[in-house]
N, C-alpha and C. Protein backbone atom coordinates (compact mmCIF):
# COMPACT_ATOMS: atom_id res chain seq x y z
N UNK A 1 -14.77 -3.03 -13.94
CA UNK A 1 -15.47 -4.71 -14.00
C UNK A 1 -16.91 -5.08 -15.59
N UNK A 2 -16.49 -5.83 -16.06
CA UNK A 2 -17.04 -5.31 -17.31
C UNK A 2 -17.81 -6.61 -17.97
N UNK A 3 -17.78 -7.34 -16.57
CA UNK A 3 -18.34 -9.34 -16.75
C UNK A 3 -19.15 -8.91 -16.39
N UNK A 4 -20.19 -7.79 -16.36
CA UNK A 4 -21.54 -8.11 -14.74
C UNK A 4 -21.29 -8.05 -13.78
N UNK A 5 -20.34 -8.28 -13.67
CA UNK A 5 -20.28 -7.99 -11.63
C UNK A 5 -20.72 -6.73 -11.26
N UNK A 6 -20.28 -6.64 -10.13
CA UNK A 6 -20.97 -5.37 -9.23
C UNK A 6 -19.63 -4.52 -9.30
N UNK A 7 -19.84 -3.34 -9.54
CA UNK A 7 -18.74 -2.36 -8.50
C UNK A 7 -18.18 -2.77 -7.65
N UNK A 8 -16.73 -2.91 -7.07
CA UNK A 8 -17.01 -3.30 -6.08
C UNK A 8 -16.19 -2.11 -5.13
N UNK A 9 -16.72 -2.28 -3.36
CA UNK A 9 -16.57 -1.17 -2.58
C UNK A 9 -15.36 -1.58 -1.76
N UNK A 10 -14.39 -0.33 -1.69
CA UNK A 10 -13.82 -0.39 -1.01
C UNK A 10 -13.72 -0.02 1.22
N UNK A 11 -13.72 -0.31 1.91
CA UNK A 11 -14.35 -0.43 3.17
C UNK A 11 -12.86 0.75 3.26
N UNK A 12 -12.68 1.47 3.41
CA UNK A 12 -11.02 2.08 3.59
C UNK A 12 -10.80 2.81 4.37
N UNK A 13 -9.42 4.18 4.82
CA UNK A 13 -9.64 4.82 5.71
C UNK A 13 -9.02 6.30 4.55
N UNK A 14 -8.57 6.84 4.44
CA UNK A 14 -8.31 7.90 3.25
C UNK A 14 -6.96 8.44 3.14
N UNK A 15 -6.14 7.81 4.35
CA UNK A 15 -4.58 8.49 4.89
C UNK A 15 -4.61 6.68 4.42
N UNK A 16 -5.18 5.85 4.69
CA UNK A 16 -4.70 4.71 4.79
C UNK A 16 -2.94 4.07 2.90
N UNK A 17 -2.73 4.20 3.23
CA UNK A 17 -1.57 3.33 2.11
C UNK A 17 -1.97 2.23 1.74
N UNK A 18 -2.87 1.37 2.95
CA UNK A 18 -2.63 0.42 2.39
C UNK A 18 -4.29 0.22 1.18
N UNK A 19 -4.81 1.16 2.32
CA UNK A 19 -6.32 1.45 1.51
C UNK A 19 -5.78 2.27 -0.59
N UNK A 20 -4.94 3.20 0.05
CA UNK A 20 -4.69 4.06 -1.37
C UNK A 20 -3.53 3.00 -2.31
N UNK A 21 -3.05 1.05 -1.78
CA UNK A 21 -2.90 0.64 -2.27
C UNK A 21 -4.12 0.41 -3.74
N UNK A 22 -4.70 -0.10 -3.17
CA UNK A 22 -6.60 -0.23 -3.79
C UNK A 22 -6.85 0.44 -4.89
N UNK A 23 -6.47 1.43 -4.30
CA UNK A 23 -7.44 3.12 -5.42
C UNK A 23 -6.71 3.15 -6.53
N UNK A 24 -5.10 3.21 -6.41
CA UNK A 24 -4.13 2.64 -7.68
C UNK A 24 -4.25 2.53 -8.39
N UNK A 25 -4.53 0.60 -7.99
CA UNK A 25 -4.85 -0.10 -8.58
C UNK A 25 -6.08 0.56 -9.72
N UNK A 26 -7.26 0.40 -9.13
CA UNK A 26 -8.38 0.23 -9.56
C UNK A 26 -7.93 0.87 -11.08
N UNK A 27 -7.24 2.55 -10.38
CA UNK A 27 -7.07 3.97 -10.90
C UNK A 27 -6.40 3.70 -12.78
N UNK A 28 -5.04 2.88 -12.58
CA UNK A 28 -4.16 2.57 -13.19
C UNK A 28 -5.48 1.34 -14.21
N UNK A 29 -6.17 0.97 -13.44
CA UNK A 29 -6.72 0.02 -14.86
C UNK A 29 -8.01 0.63 -15.54
N UNK A 30 -8.10 1.20 -15.36
CA UNK A 30 -9.36 2.20 -15.49
C UNK A 30 -10.86 1.18 -14.95
N UNK A 31 -10.48 0.88 -13.81
CA UNK A 31 -11.80 0.09 -13.39
C UNK A 31 -12.96 1.71 -12.09
N UNK A 32 -13.82 1.43 -12.08
CA UNK A 32 -15.21 1.89 -11.60
C UNK A 32 -14.69 1.71 -9.83
N UNK A 33 -15.09 2.49 -8.69
CA UNK A 33 -14.77 1.94 -7.70
C UNK A 33 -15.87 2.78 -6.47
N UNK A 34 -16.03 2.02 -5.78
CA UNK A 34 -16.89 3.15 -4.98
C UNK A 34 -15.46 2.70 -3.64
N UNK A 35 -16.63 3.78 -2.84
CA UNK A 35 -16.16 4.19 -1.42
C UNK A 35 -16.19 4.52 -0.45
N UNK A 36 -15.85 3.45 0.94
CA UNK A 36 -16.48 3.71 2.25
C UNK A 36 -15.96 4.32 3.31
N UNK A 37 -16.02 5.70 3.62
CA UNK A 37 -14.97 5.83 4.39
C UNK A 37 -15.14 5.95 6.27
N UNK A 38 -13.68 5.27 6.77
CA UNK A 38 -13.79 4.97 8.00
C UNK A 38 -12.91 6.09 8.44
N UNK A 39 -12.58 6.24 9.99
CA UNK A 39 -12.13 7.21 10.04
C UNK A 39 -11.17 5.58 12.07
N UNK A 40 -10.48 5.42 11.17
CA UNK A 40 -9.49 4.52 12.02
C UNK A 40 -9.18 5.16 13.77
N UNK A 41 -8.97 6.27 13.29
CA UNK A 41 -8.20 6.96 14.58
C UNK A 41 -9.70 7.31 15.75
N UNK A 42 -10.80 7.18 15.02
CA UNK A 42 -12.21 7.17 15.94
C UNK A 42 -12.72 5.73 16.34
N UNK A 43 -12.01 4.87 16.12
CA UNK A 43 -12.27 3.75 16.47
C UNK A 43 -13.40 2.69 15.57
N UNK A 44 -13.75 3.21 14.07
CA UNK A 44 -14.86 3.52 13.40
C UNK A 44 -14.84 1.42 12.52
N UNK A 45 -13.95 1.07 12.50
CA UNK A 45 -13.65 0.05 11.92
C UNK A 45 -13.36 -1.37 14.05
N UNK A 46 -13.92 -0.68 14.75
CA UNK A 46 -14.35 -1.18 15.95
C UNK A 46 -15.89 -2.10 16.38
N UNK A 47 -16.54 -0.76 15.82
CA UNK A 47 -17.75 -0.90 16.34
C UNK A 47 -18.75 -2.59 15.89
N UNK A 48 -19.88 -2.92 16.26
CA UNK A 48 -19.72 -4.87 16.21
C UNK A 48 -20.29 -3.96 14.60
N UNK A 49 -21.16 -3.64 14.65
CA UNK A 49 -21.78 -3.58 13.05
C UNK A 49 -20.55 -4.34 12.16
N UNK A 50 -19.33 -3.34 11.90
CA UNK A 50 -18.22 -3.62 11.20
C UNK A 50 -17.63 -4.84 11.78
N UNK A 51 -17.10 -5.35 12.39
CA UNK A 51 -16.67 -6.54 12.98
C UNK A 51 -18.52 -7.90 12.31
N UNK A 52 -19.07 -7.78 12.36
CA UNK A 52 -19.87 -8.38 11.91
C UNK A 52 -20.36 -8.46 10.83
N UNK A 53 -20.11 -7.46 10.08
CA UNK A 53 -20.62 -6.99 8.82
C UNK A 53 -19.77 -7.06 7.85
N UNK A 54 -18.37 -7.33 8.12
CA UNK A 54 -17.42 -6.26 7.43
C UNK A 54 -16.33 -7.24 7.41
N UNK A 55 -15.55 -6.79 8.56
CA UNK A 55 -13.94 -7.82 9.10
C UNK A 55 -14.18 -8.06 10.66
N UNK A 56 -14.21 -9.27 10.72
CA UNK A 56 -14.07 -9.50 11.64
C UNK A 56 -12.88 -8.94 12.79
N UNK A 57 -11.70 -9.27 11.63
CA UNK A 57 -10.72 -8.33 12.05
C UNK A 57 -10.16 -7.58 12.33
N UNK A 58 -11.27 -6.98 12.53
CA UNK A 58 -11.34 -5.23 13.21
C UNK A 58 -10.24 -4.37 12.21
N UNK A 59 -10.11 -4.64 10.74
CA UNK A 59 -8.66 -3.57 10.10
C UNK A 59 -9.15 -3.12 9.15
N UNK A 60 -9.24 -2.24 8.35
CA UNK A 60 -9.06 -2.14 7.01
C UNK A 60 -8.39 -2.56 6.06
N UNK A 61 -8.23 -2.24 4.75
CA UNK A 61 -8.45 -2.23 3.53
C UNK A 61 -9.19 -3.18 3.41
N UNK A 62 -11.21 -3.27 3.08
CA UNK A 62 -11.68 -4.26 3.77
C UNK A 62 -12.49 -4.33 1.72
N UNK A 63 -12.15 -5.47 0.62
CA UNK A 63 -12.65 -4.76 -1.04
C UNK A 63 -13.79 -5.44 -1.05
N UNK A 64 -15.55 -4.74 -1.55
CA UNK A 64 -16.62 -5.90 -0.93
C UNK A 64 -16.65 -6.20 -2.36
N UNK A 65 -17.15 -7.46 -2.86
CA UNK A 65 -17.30 -7.02 -4.50
C UNK A 65 -18.64 -8.18 -4.30
N UNK A 66 -20.02 -7.61 -4.25
CA UNK A 66 -21.64 -8.10 -4.11
C UNK A 66 -21.61 -8.43 -2.48
N UNK A 67 -21.39 -9.50 -2.13
CA UNK A 67 -22.07 -9.99 -0.81
C UNK A 67 -20.80 -10.11 -0.52
N UNK A 68 -19.33 -10.74 -0.92
CA UNK A 68 -18.34 -11.21 -0.74
C UNK A 68 -17.39 -9.82 -0.16
N UNK A 69 -16.88 -10.65 1.15
CA UNK A 69 -15.74 -9.22 1.16
C UNK A 69 -14.18 -9.98 1.20
N UNK A 70 -13.37 -9.55 1.00
CA UNK A 70 -12.04 -9.60 0.46
C UNK A 70 -11.28 -9.37 1.43
N UNK A 71 -11.08 -8.43 3.38
CA UNK A 71 -9.73 -7.82 3.99
C UNK A 71 -8.31 -8.45 2.62
N UNK A 72 -6.96 -7.06 3.52
CA UNK A 72 -5.40 -7.86 2.93
C UNK A 72 -5.91 -7.09 2.06
N UNK A 73 -4.83 -6.04 2.32
CA UNK A 73 -4.14 -4.99 0.66
C UNK A 73 -4.14 -4.95 -0.39
N UNK A 74 -2.80 -6.16 -0.07
CA UNK A 74 -2.52 -6.86 -1.69
C UNK A 74 -3.07 -8.25 -2.44
N UNK A 75 -4.18 -8.50 -1.51
CA UNK A 75 -5.22 -9.91 -1.96
C UNK A 75 -6.30 -9.10 -2.84
N UNK A 76 -6.75 -7.32 -2.66
CA UNK A 76 -7.17 -7.37 -2.73
C UNK A 76 -7.46 -6.57 -4.43
N UNK A 77 -5.86 -6.23 -4.23
CA UNK A 77 -5.45 -5.36 -5.46
C UNK A 77 -4.92 -6.95 -6.29
N UNK A 78 -4.83 -7.61 -5.89
CA UNK A 78 -4.66 -9.08 -7.05
C UNK A 78 -5.61 -9.64 -7.92
N UNK A 79 -6.61 -8.87 -6.80
CA UNK A 79 -8.19 -9.26 -7.43
C UNK A 79 -8.18 -8.29 -8.57
N UNK A 80 -8.35 -7.57 -8.66
CA UNK A 80 -8.73 -6.79 -9.32
C UNK A 80 -8.31 -6.92 -10.68
N UNK A 81 -6.77 -6.77 -10.43
CA UNK A 81 -5.37 -6.12 -11.91
C UNK A 81 -5.75 -7.95 -11.82
N UNK A 82 -5.71 -9.00 -11.83
CA UNK A 82 -5.54 -10.45 -12.35
C UNK A 82 -5.95 -10.64 -13.89
N UNK A 83 -5.33 -10.90 -14.74
CA UNK A 83 -5.22 -11.31 -16.19
C UNK A 83 -4.68 -9.87 -16.62
N UNK A 84 -4.41 -8.37 -15.63
CA UNK A 84 -4.68 -7.39 -16.57
C UNK A 84 -2.59 -6.59 -16.99
N UNK A 85 -2.85 -6.09 -17.72
CA UNK A 85 -1.21 -5.65 -17.95
C UNK A 85 -0.20 -5.34 -15.96
N UNK A 86 -1.02 -5.62 -14.81
CA UNK A 86 -0.10 -4.94 -13.57
C UNK A 86 0.47 -6.26 -13.38
N UNK A 87 -0.14 -7.76 -13.82
CA UNK A 87 0.42 -8.86 -13.48
C UNK A 87 1.19 -8.67 -14.71
N UNK A 88 2.18 -9.51 -14.69
CA UNK A 88 3.16 -10.18 -15.81
C UNK A 88 2.30 -11.39 -16.33
N UNK A 89 3.44 -11.82 -17.56
CA UNK A 89 2.87 -12.63 -18.63
C UNK A 89 3.87 -13.67 -18.08
N UNK A 90 4.28 -13.51 -18.59
CA UNK A 90 5.61 -14.44 -18.07
C UNK A 90 5.28 -14.93 -16.04
N UNK A 91 6.17 -16.18 -16.54
CA UNK A 91 5.42 -17.32 -14.81
C UNK A 91 6.62 -16.74 -14.06
N UNK A 92 8.20 -16.68 -14.26
CA UNK A 92 8.51 -16.38 -13.15
C UNK A 92 8.85 -14.89 -12.28
N UNK A 93 8.53 -14.16 -13.94
CA UNK A 93 7.67 -12.30 -13.01
C UNK A 93 6.73 -12.44 -12.76
N UNK A 94 5.35 -13.36 -12.37
CA UNK A 94 4.86 -13.25 -11.54
C UNK A 94 5.01 -13.62 -10.29
N UNK A 95 6.16 -14.75 -10.06
CA UNK A 95 6.17 -14.95 -8.91
C UNK A 95 7.43 -13.48 -8.54
N UNK A 96 8.24 -13.45 -9.62
CA UNK A 96 9.60 -11.73 -8.52
C UNK A 96 8.83 -11.07 -8.18
N UNK A 97 7.36 -10.77 -9.25
CA UNK A 97 6.14 -9.81 -8.35
C UNK A 97 5.76 -10.49 -7.37
N UNK A 98 5.40 -10.73 -6.64
CA UNK A 98 4.74 -10.76 -5.39
C UNK A 98 5.90 -11.18 -4.44
N UNK A 99 7.03 -12.17 -5.17
CA UNK A 99 8.60 -11.86 -3.93
C UNK A 99 8.91 -10.32 -3.47
N UNK A 100 8.29 -9.55 -4.13
CA UNK A 100 8.18 -7.57 -4.13
C UNK A 100 7.29 -7.34 -3.52
N UNK A 101 5.82 -8.43 -3.45
CA UNK A 101 4.97 -7.56 -2.55
C UNK A 101 5.05 -8.70 -1.65
N UNK A 102 5.54 -8.92 -1.28
CA UNK A 102 5.48 -10.56 -0.04
C UNK A 102 6.44 -9.34 1.23
N UNK A 103 7.88 -8.81 0.14
CA UNK A 103 8.49 -8.36 1.04
C UNK A 103 7.80 -7.02 1.47
N UNK A 104 7.41 -6.75 0.45
CA UNK A 104 6.54 -4.30 1.15
C UNK A 104 5.25 -5.65 2.72
N UNK A 105 5.06 -6.27 2.66
CA UNK A 105 4.57 -6.37 3.43
C UNK A 105 5.24 -7.02 5.26
N UNK A 106 6.46 -7.93 4.75
CA UNK A 106 7.03 -8.43 5.58
C UNK A 106 8.15 -7.33 6.57
N UNK A 107 8.95 -6.25 5.69
CA UNK A 107 10.43 -5.86 5.11
C UNK A 107 9.59 -4.57 5.78
N UNK A 108 8.82 -3.96 4.38
CA UNK A 108 8.69 -2.76 4.58
C UNK A 108 7.65 -1.93 5.07
N UNK A 109 6.51 -2.68 5.29
CA UNK A 109 5.01 -1.72 5.87
C UNK A 109 4.92 -1.44 6.79
N UNK A 110 5.37 -3.54 7.41
CA UNK A 110 5.67 -3.18 9.09
C UNK A 110 6.40 -1.73 9.89
N UNK A 111 7.60 -1.43 8.66
CA UNK A 111 8.15 -0.31 9.62
C UNK A 111 8.31 1.03 8.79
N UNK A 112 8.28 1.14 7.75
CA UNK A 112 7.64 2.45 7.20
C UNK A 112 6.17 3.34 7.30
N UNK A 113 5.71 2.03 7.51
CA UNK A 113 4.55 2.72 7.39
C UNK A 113 3.91 2.65 9.06
N UNK A 114 4.09 2.17 9.76
CA UNK A 114 3.95 1.54 11.21
C UNK A 114 5.34 3.67 11.99
N UNK A 115 5.77 3.23 10.96
CA UNK A 115 6.27 4.73 11.85
C UNK A 115 6.05 6.27 11.93
N UNK A 116 5.42 5.53 10.02
CA UNK A 116 4.23 7.13 9.90
C UNK A 116 3.35 7.21 11.04
N UNK A 117 2.09 6.35 10.97
CA UNK A 117 1.28 5.70 12.18
C UNK A 117 1.95 7.04 13.07
N UNK A 118 2.36 6.43 13.93
CA UNK A 118 2.88 6.44 15.23
C UNK A 118 3.25 7.67 15.16
N UNK A 119 3.47 8.40 14.35
CA UNK A 119 4.61 9.97 14.79
C UNK A 119 4.23 10.59 14.09
N UNK A 120 3.36 10.61 12.67
CA UNK A 120 2.40 10.93 11.58
C UNK A 120 0.85 11.77 12.47
N UNK A 121 0.50 10.64 12.65
CA UNK A 121 -1.14 10.50 13.71
C UNK A 121 -1.33 10.88 15.19
N UNK A 122 -1.26 9.28 15.22
CA UNK A 122 -0.32 9.45 17.40
C UNK A 122 -0.12 10.41 18.00
N UNK A 123 2.01 9.97 16.92
CA UNK A 123 2.32 11.67 18.07
C UNK A 123 3.50 11.13 18.53
N UNK A 124 4.68 11.77 18.86
CA UNK A 124 5.35 10.60 19.16
C UNK A 124 5.42 10.83 21.25
N UNK A 125 4.74 11.84 21.98
CA UNK A 125 4.33 12.31 23.46
C UNK A 125 3.49 11.39 23.50
N UNK A 126 2.48 10.59 22.16
CA UNK A 126 1.50 9.41 22.81
C UNK A 126 1.78 8.43 22.58
N UNK A 127 3.14 8.41 22.45
CA UNK A 127 3.69 6.66 22.03
C UNK A 127 3.24 5.72 23.72
N UNK A 128 3.37 5.06 23.14
CA UNK A 128 3.65 4.11 24.73
C UNK A 128 4.87 3.29 25.26
N UNK A 129 5.59 2.96 26.06
CA UNK A 129 6.54 2.86 26.49
C UNK A 129 7.22 1.87 25.44
N UNK A 130 6.72 0.48 25.30
CA UNK A 130 6.72 0.20 23.77
C UNK A 130 6.47 0.58 22.20
N UNK A 131 5.99 0.94 22.31
CA UNK A 131 6.15 2.23 21.16
C UNK A 131 7.79 2.45 20.86
N UNK A 132 7.71 3.07 21.98
CA UNK A 132 9.09 4.16 21.64
C UNK A 132 10.30 3.78 21.92
N UNK A 133 10.18 1.98 22.81
CA UNK A 133 12.20 1.84 22.51
C UNK A 133 11.23 0.85 21.05
N UNK A 134 10.48 0.56 20.31
CA UNK A 134 10.12 -0.22 18.84
C UNK A 134 10.40 1.21 17.57
N UNK A 135 10.87 2.52 18.54
CA UNK A 135 10.86 3.44 18.23
C UNK A 135 12.37 3.04 16.29
N UNK A 136 13.37 3.35 17.70
CA UNK A 136 14.86 2.90 16.32
C UNK A 136 15.17 1.64 15.69
N UNK A 137 14.42 0.02 16.19
CA UNK A 137 14.24 -0.94 16.08
C UNK A 137 14.36 -0.38 14.34
N UNK A 138 13.13 0.27 14.06
CA UNK A 138 12.11 0.01 13.15
C UNK A 138 12.42 1.59 11.60
N UNK A 139 12.97 1.73 12.37
CA UNK A 139 13.62 3.28 12.19
C UNK A 139 15.31 2.45 11.36
N UNK A 140 15.99 1.84 11.65
CA UNK A 140 16.71 0.62 10.96
C UNK A 140 16.28 -0.30 10.06
N UNK A 141 15.11 -0.67 10.38
CA UNK A 141 14.89 -1.85 9.13
C UNK A 141 13.87 -1.12 8.45
N UNK A 142 13.73 -0.30 8.48
CA UNK A 142 12.71 0.45 6.99
C UNK A 142 13.92 1.48 6.47
N UNK A 143 15.04 1.68 7.00
CA UNK A 143 16.45 2.33 6.19
C UNK A 143 16.82 1.38 5.48
N UNK A 144 16.90 -0.05 6.12
CA UNK A 144 17.24 -1.64 5.23
C UNK A 144 16.65 -2.07 3.96
N UNK A 145 14.88 -1.46 4.53
CA UNK A 145 14.66 -1.56 3.09
C UNK A 145 14.20 -0.67 2.10
N UNK A 146 14.44 0.95 2.07
CA UNK A 146 14.34 1.30 1.35
C UNK A 146 15.76 1.63 0.75
N UNK A 147 17.12 0.37 1.32
CA UNK A 147 18.12 1.36 0.78
C UNK A 147 18.31 0.02 -0.09
N UNK A 148 17.22 -1.11 0.40
CA UNK A 148 17.64 -2.39 -1.05
C UNK A 148 16.74 -2.19 -2.33
N UNK A 149 15.88 -0.97 -1.76
CA UNK A 149 15.22 -0.78 -2.88
C UNK A 149 15.59 0.44 -3.90
N UNK A 150 16.58 1.01 -3.06
CA UNK A 150 17.09 2.30 -4.14
C UNK A 150 18.35 1.20 -5.26
N UNK A 151 19.33 0.19 -4.56
CA UNK A 151 20.24 -0.30 -5.05
C UNK A 151 19.12 -1.00 -6.51
N UNK A 152 18.06 -1.65 -6.25
CA UNK A 152 17.48 -2.13 -7.38
C UNK A 152 17.19 -1.43 -8.44
N UNK A 153 16.30 -0.68 -8.02
CA UNK A 153 15.94 0.14 -8.74
C UNK A 153 17.25 0.88 -9.10
N UNK A 154 18.78 1.02 -8.75
CA UNK A 154 19.54 2.01 -9.80
C UNK A 154 19.72 1.46 -10.77
N UNK A 155 19.12 0.23 -10.83
CA UNK A 155 19.64 -0.54 -12.14
C UNK A 155 18.19 -1.16 -13.57
N UNK A 156 17.17 -0.51 -12.74
CA UNK A 156 16.20 -1.15 -12.74
C UNK A 156 14.71 -0.03 -13.17
N UNK A 157 14.14 0.26 -14.03
CA UNK A 157 13.28 0.48 -13.38
C UNK A 157 12.22 0.72 -13.21
N UNK A 158 11.30 -0.31 -13.35
CA UNK A 158 10.87 -0.99 -12.17
C UNK A 158 11.16 -1.99 -11.78
N UNK A 159 10.35 -2.55 -11.20
CA UNK A 159 10.91 -3.14 -9.84
C UNK A 159 10.99 -5.42 -10.38
N UNK A 160 9.52 -5.30 -11.25
CA UNK A 160 9.71 -6.11 -12.42
C UNK A 160 9.78 -5.65 -13.77
N UNK A 161 10.06 -6.47 -14.57
CA UNK A 161 10.78 -6.58 -16.25
C UNK A 161 10.05 -4.47 -15.85
N UNK A 162 10.10 -5.35 -17.37
CA UNK A 162 10.09 -3.69 -18.34
C UNK A 162 9.17 -2.32 -17.77
N UNK A 163 8.34 -2.83 -17.29
CA UNK A 163 6.52 -2.11 -16.40
C UNK A 163 6.27 -2.76 -15.83
N UNK A 164 5.40 -0.66 -15.09
CA UNK A 164 4.51 -0.89 -14.07
C UNK A 164 4.17 -2.43 -13.61
N UNK A 165 3.98 -2.89 -12.48
CA UNK A 165 3.41 -3.96 -12.23
C UNK A 165 2.77 -4.30 -10.33
N UNK A 166 1.82 -5.23 -9.92
CA UNK A 166 1.94 -4.64 -8.67
C UNK A 166 2.50 -4.45 -7.64
N UNK A 167 3.83 -5.17 -7.64
CA UNK A 167 4.90 -4.31 -7.08
C UNK A 167 5.21 -2.88 -7.18
N UNK A 168 4.83 -1.95 -8.09
CA UNK A 168 5.12 -0.83 -7.97
C UNK A 168 4.51 -0.70 -6.99
N UNK A 169 2.65 -0.92 -7.75
CA UNK A 169 1.88 -0.67 -6.96
C UNK A 169 2.10 0.14 -5.17
N UNK A 170 2.15 -1.67 -4.46
CA UNK A 170 2.02 -1.76 -3.11
C UNK A 170 3.14 -1.13 -2.70
N UNK A 171 4.86 -1.14 -3.40
CA UNK A 171 6.34 -0.75 -2.83
C UNK A 171 5.76 0.95 -2.49
N UNK A 172 4.99 2.11 -3.67
CA UNK A 172 4.42 3.01 -3.82
C UNK A 172 3.81 3.46 -2.36
N UNK A 173 3.11 3.11 -2.24
CA UNK A 173 2.03 3.52 -1.31
C UNK A 173 2.80 4.34 -0.17
N UNK A 174 3.22 3.31 0.40
CA UNK A 174 4.18 3.97 1.59
C UNK A 174 5.20 4.79 0.95
N UNK A 175 6.19 4.12 0.53
CA UNK A 175 7.22 5.11 -0.15
C UNK A 175 6.77 5.71 -0.24
N UNK A 176 6.56 6.43 -0.98
CA UNK A 176 6.07 8.03 -0.80
C UNK A 176 5.61 9.11 -0.56
N UNK A 177 5.14 8.56 0.55
CA UNK A 177 4.94 9.13 1.86
C UNK A 177 5.94 9.26 2.86
N UNK A 178 7.00 8.64 3.26
CA UNK A 178 7.98 8.14 4.19
C UNK A 178 7.99 9.03 4.68
N UNK A 179 8.63 10.01 4.25
CA UNK A 179 8.75 10.77 5.00
C UNK A 179 8.09 12.25 5.78
N UNK A 180 6.72 11.54 5.58
CA UNK A 180 5.20 12.05 7.41
C UNK A 180 5.65 11.60 8.25
N UNK A 181 6.62 10.32 9.30
CA UNK A 181 7.36 10.56 9.40
C UNK A 181 8.28 11.11 10.83
N UNK A 182 9.10 11.97 9.85
CA UNK A 182 10.29 12.08 9.99
C UNK A 182 11.38 11.37 10.56
N UNK A 183 11.36 10.48 10.06
CA UNK A 183 12.67 8.84 10.31
C UNK A 183 12.92 9.41 8.63
N UNK A 184 12.66 9.23 7.87
CA UNK A 184 13.61 8.55 6.56
C UNK A 184 13.53 10.12 5.50
N UNK A 185 14.53 10.27 4.36
CA UNK A 185 13.89 11.05 4.42
C UNK A 185 14.57 10.80 3.00
N UNK A 186 13.41 10.76 1.45
CA UNK A 186 13.90 10.36 0.20
C UNK A 186 15.18 10.84 -0.97
N UNK A 187 15.77 12.50 0.12
CA UNK A 187 17.02 12.16 -0.62
C UNK A 187 17.58 11.64 -0.81
N UNK A 188 18.11 10.82 0.07
CA UNK A 188 18.87 10.58 0.45
C UNK A 188 18.60 8.37 -0.69
N UNK A 189 17.90 8.46 -2.14
CA UNK A 189 17.19 7.21 -2.04
C UNK A 189 17.64 8.10 -3.39
N UNK A 190 18.24 8.68 -4.07
CA UNK A 190 17.81 9.24 -5.71
C UNK A 190 16.89 8.30 -6.51
N UNK A 191 17.02 6.84 -6.69
CA UNK A 191 16.59 5.83 -7.53
C UNK A 191 15.30 5.85 -6.99
N UNK A 192 14.97 5.89 -5.75
CA UNK A 192 13.83 5.14 -5.63
C UNK A 192 12.92 6.44 -5.28
N UNK A 193 13.29 8.07 -5.92
CA UNK A 193 12.96 9.44 -6.07
C UNK A 193 12.47 9.36 -7.29
N UNK A 194 13.19 9.30 -8.57
CA UNK A 194 13.72 8.85 -9.48
C UNK A 194 12.35 7.81 -10.06
N UNK A 195 12.31 6.08 -9.04
CA UNK A 195 11.34 5.98 -9.34
C UNK A 195 9.51 6.43 -9.58
N UNK A 196 9.64 7.29 -8.41
CA UNK A 196 8.71 7.73 -7.58
C UNK A 196 7.80 8.52 -8.90
N UNK A 197 8.54 9.23 -9.52
CA UNK A 197 8.77 10.38 -10.70
C UNK A 197 7.78 9.80 -11.70
N UNK A 198 8.07 8.38 -11.79
CA UNK A 198 8.42 6.97 -12.83
C UNK A 198 6.29 6.62 -12.89
N UNK A 199 5.78 5.72 -11.15
CA UNK A 199 4.82 6.57 -11.05
C UNK A 199 3.47 7.13 -11.04
N UNK A 200 4.29 8.27 -10.48
CA UNK A 200 3.34 9.60 -10.50
C UNK A 200 3.06 10.25 -11.98
N UNK A 201 4.32 10.00 -13.43
CA UNK A 201 3.84 10.56 -14.58
C UNK A 201 3.13 9.28 -15.21
N UNK A 202 2.52 8.26 -15.11
CA UNK A 202 1.83 6.91 -15.34
C UNK A 202 0.30 7.16 -15.09
N UNK A 203 -0.39 7.38 -17.00
CA UNK A 203 -1.63 7.59 -17.19
C UNK A 203 -3.17 6.89 -15.95
N UNK A 204 -3.40 8.00 -15.00
CA UNK A 204 -4.43 7.67 -14.93
C UNK A 204 -4.54 7.07 -12.87
N UNK A 205 -3.36 7.88 -13.12
CA UNK A 205 -2.69 8.27 -11.76
C UNK A 205 -3.66 8.73 -10.91
N UNK A 206 -3.51 7.96 -9.65
CA UNK A 206 -4.25 9.34 -8.59
C UNK A 206 -4.00 9.65 -8.09
N UNK A 207 -3.75 11.04 -7.12
CA UNK A 207 -3.01 10.87 -5.33
C UNK A 207 -3.37 10.77 -4.99
N UNK A 208 -2.41 10.70 -3.61
CA UNK A 208 -3.22 9.17 -2.42
C UNK A 208 -4.37 10.14 -1.75
N UNK A 209 -4.30 11.61 -1.85
CA UNK A 209 -5.48 13.08 -1.64
C UNK A 209 -6.06 12.88 -2.04
N UNK A 210 -6.34 12.15 -3.29
CA UNK A 210 -7.83 12.41 -4.28
C UNK A 210 -9.20 11.75 -4.25
């Protein structure tokens, strides 16, 4: 931020793709950002201090700007990228970018990201009965989302227009680690793999674990 605004503070768990979206957005824009880390597996976002002082919904990421707090990863990315090259100038392209960001939250993240969390961090043997019966439907829905992405990227370098936008940032976060769940295989999606390489080759790219 160069307009005298305070440096934003990201309340995050570093292993979360939703949190990574915000760090990647800031990095691609060359924006400084402070980080406050929480371990969701230890319930650190459910403490009275967090619920009363950061997010009453008990979730991360939260982007803090001065004394104001902005939950929801894609909203925080938009705040950082507004009026930047990551948001298309064309009106239709901006709407199309939002379309892909909504797709990420409704079709992609609830399936690809959830299976990553369940399988990689919780463990299949520790899933509840409700979670176990949801594995196959989420695998099917996640596969459908990845296939749709692969079809689009087979004909396009980026999700919107001719350059990277927030749509790519939002979808990259959990797609590039989708194999963590053991449910998805990037070899099945060659256009997605080429797109991942393009994102990783961007100037100022930062890896999820940096």
